[in-house]
N, C-alpha and C. Protein backbone atom coordinates (compact mmCIF):
# COMPACT_ATOMS: atom_id res chain seq x y z
N MET A 1 43.39 155.04 212.09
CA MET A 1 43.55 155.16 210.44
C MET A 1 43.71 155.93 209.79
N ALA A 2 43.80 156.14 208.44
CA ALA A 2 43.77 156.99 207.61
C ALA A 2 42.39 156.46 206.50
N VAL A 3 41.20 157.71 206.66
CA VAL A 3 40.52 156.82 205.56
C VAL A 3 40.70 157.12 203.65
N LYS A 4 40.56 156.66 202.88
CA LYS A 4 40.72 157.36 201.86
C LYS A 4 38.99 158.03 201.36
N LYS A 5 39.29 159.14 200.75
CA LYS A 5 37.92 159.60 200.45
C LYS A 5 38.38 160.82 199.00
N GLN A 6 37.02 161.19 199.21
CA GLN A 6 36.90 162.11 197.13
C GLN A 6 36.77 162.77 198.58
N PHE A 7 37.16 164.11 197.49
CA PHE A 7 36.69 165.30 197.61
C PHE A 7 36.50 166.23 196.63
N THR A 8 35.78 167.28 196.68
CA THR A 8 35.27 168.40 195.77
C THR A 8 36.09 169.58 195.30
N SER A 9 36.95 169.63 197.06
CA SER A 9 37.68 170.96 196.93
C SER A 9 38.77 170.75 198.14
N PHE A 10 40.24 171.23 198.24
CA PHE A 10 40.82 170.77 199.32
C PHE A 10 40.08 171.69 200.51
N GLU A 11 39.83 172.78 200.19
CA GLU A 11 39.38 174.24 200.72
C GLU A 11 38.39 173.81 201.51
N GLU A 12 37.55 172.59 201.20
CA GLU A 12 35.99 172.39 201.17
C GLU A 12 36.52 171.16 202.93
N VAL A 13 37.80 170.26 202.74
CA VAL A 13 37.63 169.47 203.48
C VAL A 13 38.22 170.05 204.75
N ILE A 14 39.44 171.10 204.73
CA ILE A 14 39.54 171.61 205.46
C ILE A 14 38.82 172.98 206.60
N SER A 15 38.11 173.43 205.92
CA SER A 15 37.16 174.40 206.20
C SER A 15 35.65 173.91 206.81
N SER A 16 35.04 173.01 206.85
CA SER A 16 34.22 172.27 207.23
C SER A 16 34.08 171.51 207.92
N SER A 17 35.54 170.89 208.31
CA SER A 17 35.42 170.52 210.15
C SER A 17 35.47 171.05 211.35
N GLU A 18 34.31 170.41 211.96
CA GLU A 18 34.78 170.76 213.33
C GLU A 18 35.98 170.98 213.95
N GLN A 19 36.66 169.49 213.50
CA GLN A 19 38.15 169.67 214.26
C GLN A 19 39.10 170.29 213.82
N PRO A 20 39.86 170.08 214.78
CA PRO A 20 41.32 170.55 213.54
C PRO A 20 41.62 169.52 212.96
N VAL A 21 42.72 170.20 211.43
CA VAL A 21 42.64 169.01 210.47
C VAL A 21 44.87 169.11 210.34
N LEU A 22 45.15 167.84 210.46
CA LEU A 22 46.25 167.42 210.46
C LEU A 22 46.44 166.98 209.09
N VAL A 23 47.04 167.62 208.30
CA VAL A 23 47.23 167.55 206.67
C VAL A 23 48.84 166.90 206.91
N ASP A 24 48.70 165.41 206.18
CA ASP A 24 50.45 165.42 205.98
C ASP A 24 50.28 164.65 204.08
N PHE A 25 51.52 165.71 203.64
CA PHE A 25 51.80 166.10 203.13
C PHE A 25 53.22 165.22 202.93
N TYR A 26 52.51 164.55 201.13
CA TYR A 26 53.60 163.05 201.06
C TYR A 26 53.70 163.04 200.23
N ALA A 27 54.93 161.69 200.29
CA ALA A 27 54.95 160.84 198.59
C ALA A 27 55.10 159.36 198.83
N THR A 28 54.66 158.96 197.87
CA THR A 28 54.73 157.40 198.10
C THR A 28 56.86 156.90 198.06
N TRP A 29 57.37 157.38 197.08
CA TRP A 29 58.65 157.14 197.00
C TRP A 29 59.46 157.34 198.55
N CYS A 30 59.10 158.37 199.89
CA CYS A 30 59.08 158.78 200.60
C CYS A 30 59.60 158.31 201.80
N GLY A 31 60.82 157.46 202.11
CA GLY A 31 60.96 156.54 203.36
C GLY A 31 59.88 157.34 204.26
N PRO A 32 61.33 158.75 205.03
CA PRO A 32 60.57 159.31 205.86
C PRO A 32 59.13 158.95 206.59
N CYS A 33 58.86 159.21 204.54
CA CYS A 33 57.36 159.45 204.87
C CYS A 33 56.11 158.45 205.30
N HIS A 34 56.91 156.87 205.25
CA HIS A 34 56.70 155.91 205.58
C HIS A 34 56.21 155.47 207.11
N MET A 35 57.88 155.97 207.18
CA MET A 35 58.09 156.37 208.97
C MET A 35 56.42 157.23 209.53
N MET A 36 56.57 158.14 208.84
CA MET A 36 55.02 159.22 209.98
C MET A 36 54.18 158.35 209.33
N ALA A 37 54.10 158.37 208.52
CA ALA A 37 52.44 157.15 208.43
C ALA A 37 52.16 156.78 209.56
N LYS A 38 52.84 155.70 210.43
CA LYS A 38 53.21 154.68 211.72
C LYS A 38 53.23 155.62 212.31
N ILE A 39 53.44 156.57 212.44
CA ILE A 39 53.37 157.93 214.39
C ILE A 39 51.83 158.43 214.04
N LEU A 40 51.81 158.92 212.49
CA LEU A 40 50.12 159.38 211.88
C LEU A 40 49.03 158.69 212.93
N GLU A 41 49.15 156.83 212.20
CA GLU A 41 47.81 156.16 212.48
C GLU A 41 47.85 156.04 214.50
N GLU A 42 49.50 155.79 215.10
CA GLU A 42 49.29 155.63 216.60
C GLU A 42 48.43 157.87 217.01
N ILE A 43 49.23 158.31 216.76
CA ILE A 43 48.68 159.51 217.29
C ILE A 43 46.89 159.49 216.56
N ASN A 44 46.54 159.29 215.24
CA ASN A 44 45.39 159.40 215.03
C ASN A 44 44.28 158.41 216.04
N GLY A 45 44.33 157.15 216.67
CA GLY A 45 44.48 156.56 217.69
C GLY A 45 44.12 157.20 218.31
N TYR A 46 45.55 157.75 219.82
CA TYR A 46 44.71 158.61 220.72
C TYR A 46 44.11 159.85 220.91
N LEU A 47 44.52 160.78 219.66
CA LEU A 47 43.52 161.68 219.65
C LEU A 47 42.11 161.59 218.85
N LYS A 48 41.61 160.70 218.56
CA LYS A 48 41.05 160.88 216.99
C LYS A 48 38.98 161.58 217.26
N SER A 49 39.12 161.80 218.17
CA SER A 49 38.07 162.50 218.25
C SER A 49 37.95 163.68 218.56
N ARG A 50 39.58 164.07 218.95
CA ARG A 50 39.98 165.71 218.54
C ARG A 50 40.65 166.64 217.74
N ILE A 51 41.00 164.87 216.69
CA ILE A 51 41.71 165.85 215.15
C ILE A 51 40.98 165.03 214.19
N LYS A 52 41.19 165.14 213.08
CA LYS A 52 40.88 164.94 212.10
C LYS A 52 42.09 164.75 210.93
N VAL A 53 42.95 163.22 210.39
CA VAL A 53 44.11 163.39 209.95
C VAL A 53 43.41 163.48 207.83
N VAL A 54 44.13 164.10 207.28
CA VAL A 54 44.35 164.10 206.08
C VAL A 54 45.43 163.81 205.12
N LYS A 55 45.57 162.72 204.69
CA LYS A 55 46.82 162.66 203.16
C LYS A 55 47.01 163.54 202.68
N VAL A 56 47.85 164.23 201.74
CA VAL A 56 47.56 164.88 200.28
C VAL A 56 49.22 163.90 200.18
N ASP A 57 48.46 163.23 199.09
CA ASP A 57 49.96 163.26 197.73
C ASP A 57 50.92 164.40 197.13
N THR A 58 51.38 164.41 197.75
CA THR A 58 52.40 165.99 197.30
C THR A 58 52.57 165.45 195.32
N ASP A 59 52.20 164.22 194.27
CA ASP A 59 53.29 164.12 193.04
C ASP A 59 51.40 164.43 192.31
N LYS A 60 50.34 163.95 192.91
CA LYS A 60 49.42 164.07 193.00
C LYS A 60 48.76 165.09 192.32
N TYR A 61 48.93 166.27 193.75
CA TYR A 61 48.20 167.34 193.74
C TYR A 61 49.16 168.39 193.92
N PRO A 62 50.10 168.42 193.19
CA PRO A 62 51.13 169.22 193.10
C PRO A 62 50.62 171.27 193.65
N VAL A 63 50.12 171.06 193.13
CA VAL A 63 48.82 173.02 192.87
C VAL A 63 48.80 173.14 194.98
N ILE A 64 47.94 172.33 195.39
CA ILE A 64 48.01 172.04 196.75
C ILE A 64 49.16 172.26 197.59
N SER A 65 49.93 171.52 197.19
CA SER A 65 50.75 171.25 197.80
C SER A 65 52.03 173.34 197.88
N SER A 66 52.29 173.04 196.37
CA SER A 66 53.13 174.71 196.49
C SER A 66 51.60 175.84 196.83
N GLN A 67 51.01 175.61 197.48
CA GLN A 67 49.97 176.56 197.60
C GLN A 67 49.99 176.79 198.92
N TYR A 68 50.61 176.13 200.01
CA TYR A 68 50.85 176.13 201.40
C TYR A 68 52.53 175.65 201.31
N GLY A 69 52.98 175.89 200.56
CA GLY A 69 54.95 176.25 200.79
C GLY A 69 55.52 174.85 200.73
N ILE A 70 54.86 173.66 200.31
CA ILE A 70 55.37 172.47 200.86
C ILE A 70 56.74 172.24 199.97
N ALA A 71 57.69 172.53 200.65
CA ALA A 71 59.25 171.86 200.10
C ALA A 71 60.18 171.08 200.43
N ALA A 72 59.27 169.95 201.70
CA ALA A 72 60.51 169.22 202.59
C ALA A 72 59.23 168.16 202.58
N LEU A 73 59.75 167.07 202.76
CA LEU A 73 58.49 165.68 202.86
C LEU A 73 59.16 164.85 204.30
N PRO A 74 58.22 164.29 204.93
CA PRO A 74 57.42 165.60 205.29
C PRO A 74 56.83 166.37 205.68
N THR A 75 55.70 166.81 205.45
CA THR A 75 55.23 168.02 205.98
C THR A 75 54.51 167.87 206.65
N LEU A 76 53.99 168.67 207.85
CA LEU A 76 52.19 168.21 208.77
C LEU A 76 51.69 169.40 208.23
N VAL A 77 50.60 170.14 208.19
CA VAL A 77 50.55 171.15 208.47
C VAL A 77 49.17 170.81 208.84
N LEU A 78 48.79 172.29 210.41
CA LEU A 78 47.35 171.52 211.07
C LEU A 78 46.43 173.28 210.94
N PHE A 79 45.97 172.72 210.03
CA PHE A 79 44.59 173.44 209.91
C PHE A 79 43.33 173.93 210.79
N LYS A 80 43.50 175.14 211.33
CA LYS A 80 42.00 175.18 212.37
C LYS A 80 41.17 176.21 211.77
N ASN A 81 39.64 176.43 211.72
CA ASN A 81 38.80 177.33 211.55
C ASN A 81 39.54 177.70 210.13
N GLY A 82 40.07 175.98 209.10
CA GLY A 82 40.30 176.21 207.70
C GLY A 82 41.55 176.77 207.57
N GLN A 83 42.33 177.81 208.69
CA GLN A 83 43.38 178.35 208.75
C GLN A 83 44.53 177.02 208.66
N PRO A 84 45.84 177.84 208.24
CA PRO A 84 46.67 177.13 208.51
C PRO A 84 47.34 177.57 209.93
N VAL A 85 47.63 176.52 211.09
CA VAL A 85 48.01 177.00 212.50
C VAL A 85 49.79 176.52 213.14
N ASP A 86 50.00 175.99 211.96
CA ASP A 86 51.68 174.97 212.39
C ASP A 86 52.07 174.41 211.85
N LYS A 87 52.81 174.33 211.18
CA LYS A 87 54.01 173.62 209.80
C LYS A 87 54.89 172.42 210.77
N ILE A 88 55.18 171.27 210.34
CA ILE A 88 56.01 170.45 211.20
C ILE A 88 56.32 169.25 209.78
N GLU A 89 58.10 169.97 209.73
CA GLU A 89 58.72 169.38 208.45
C GLU A 89 59.28 167.80 209.20
N GLY A 90 59.83 167.51 208.52
CA GLY A 90 60.47 166.06 209.49
C GLY A 90 59.35 164.89 209.76
N VAL A 91 60.82 164.24 210.80
CA VAL A 91 59.71 163.06 211.22
C VAL A 91 59.71 163.26 212.46
N LEU A 92 58.27 163.59 213.93
CA LEU A 92 58.74 163.43 214.98
C LEU A 92 58.73 162.82 215.74
N PRO A 93 58.71 162.09 216.59
CA PRO A 93 58.32 161.00 217.31
C PRO A 93 56.77 160.90 218.02
N PRO A 94 56.71 159.70 218.03
CA PRO A 94 54.68 160.57 218.09
C PRO A 94 54.50 161.62 219.96
N GLU A 95 55.50 161.86 220.83
CA GLU A 95 54.51 161.82 221.66
C GLU A 95 55.13 163.55 221.67
N GLN A 96 56.23 163.64 221.09
CA GLN A 96 56.98 165.51 220.69
C GLN A 96 55.84 165.88 219.80
N LEU A 97 55.51 164.60 218.35
CA LEU A 97 53.56 165.43 217.92
C LEU A 97 52.55 165.46 218.79
N ILE A 98 52.63 164.69 219.82
CA ILE A 98 51.74 164.94 220.77
C ILE A 98 51.49 166.56 221.23
N GLN A 99 52.53 166.49 221.59
CA GLN A 99 52.56 167.41 222.70
C GLN A 99 52.30 169.01 221.66
N ARG A 100 52.96 168.94 221.43
CA ARG A 100 53.01 170.07 219.90
C ARG A 100 51.47 170.78 219.56
N LEU A 101 50.94 169.15 219.19
CA LEU A 101 49.62 169.80 218.67
C LEU A 101 48.88 169.65 219.87
N GLN A 102 49.02 169.57 221.21
CA GLN A 102 48.22 169.98 222.72
C GLN A 102 47.64 171.48 222.41
N SER A 103 48.29 171.75 221.92
CA SER A 103 47.56 173.49 222.42
C SER A 103 46.77 174.04 221.50
N TYR A 104 46.82 173.04 220.13
CA TYR A 104 45.42 173.38 219.23
C TYR A 104 44.34 172.87 218.93
N LEU A 105 44.46 171.40 220.40
CA LEU A 105 43.14 171.04 220.59
C LEU A 105 41.88 171.67 221.54
């Protein structure tokens, strides 16, 4: 389950984590984003000690979204050591998402 947490900067969140950080760029009005949220809860349960999941509302944080070239929703960006290493647009079934993430864990 994703936890709401305040942070001083997005860079702090992605660079201070010892685990890879999977960022879910979403919007509250986006139907596929709601489907992805359920999948991410499942993924988080399966990989919780190996990955950190962070959600970013693109309507509230348009600068961050634009900085990472978010053009479609939902978009997942995997950060490792503070750097983006993979970008996934659209909804993926849990099995495919886990398989894609495994090589970075």
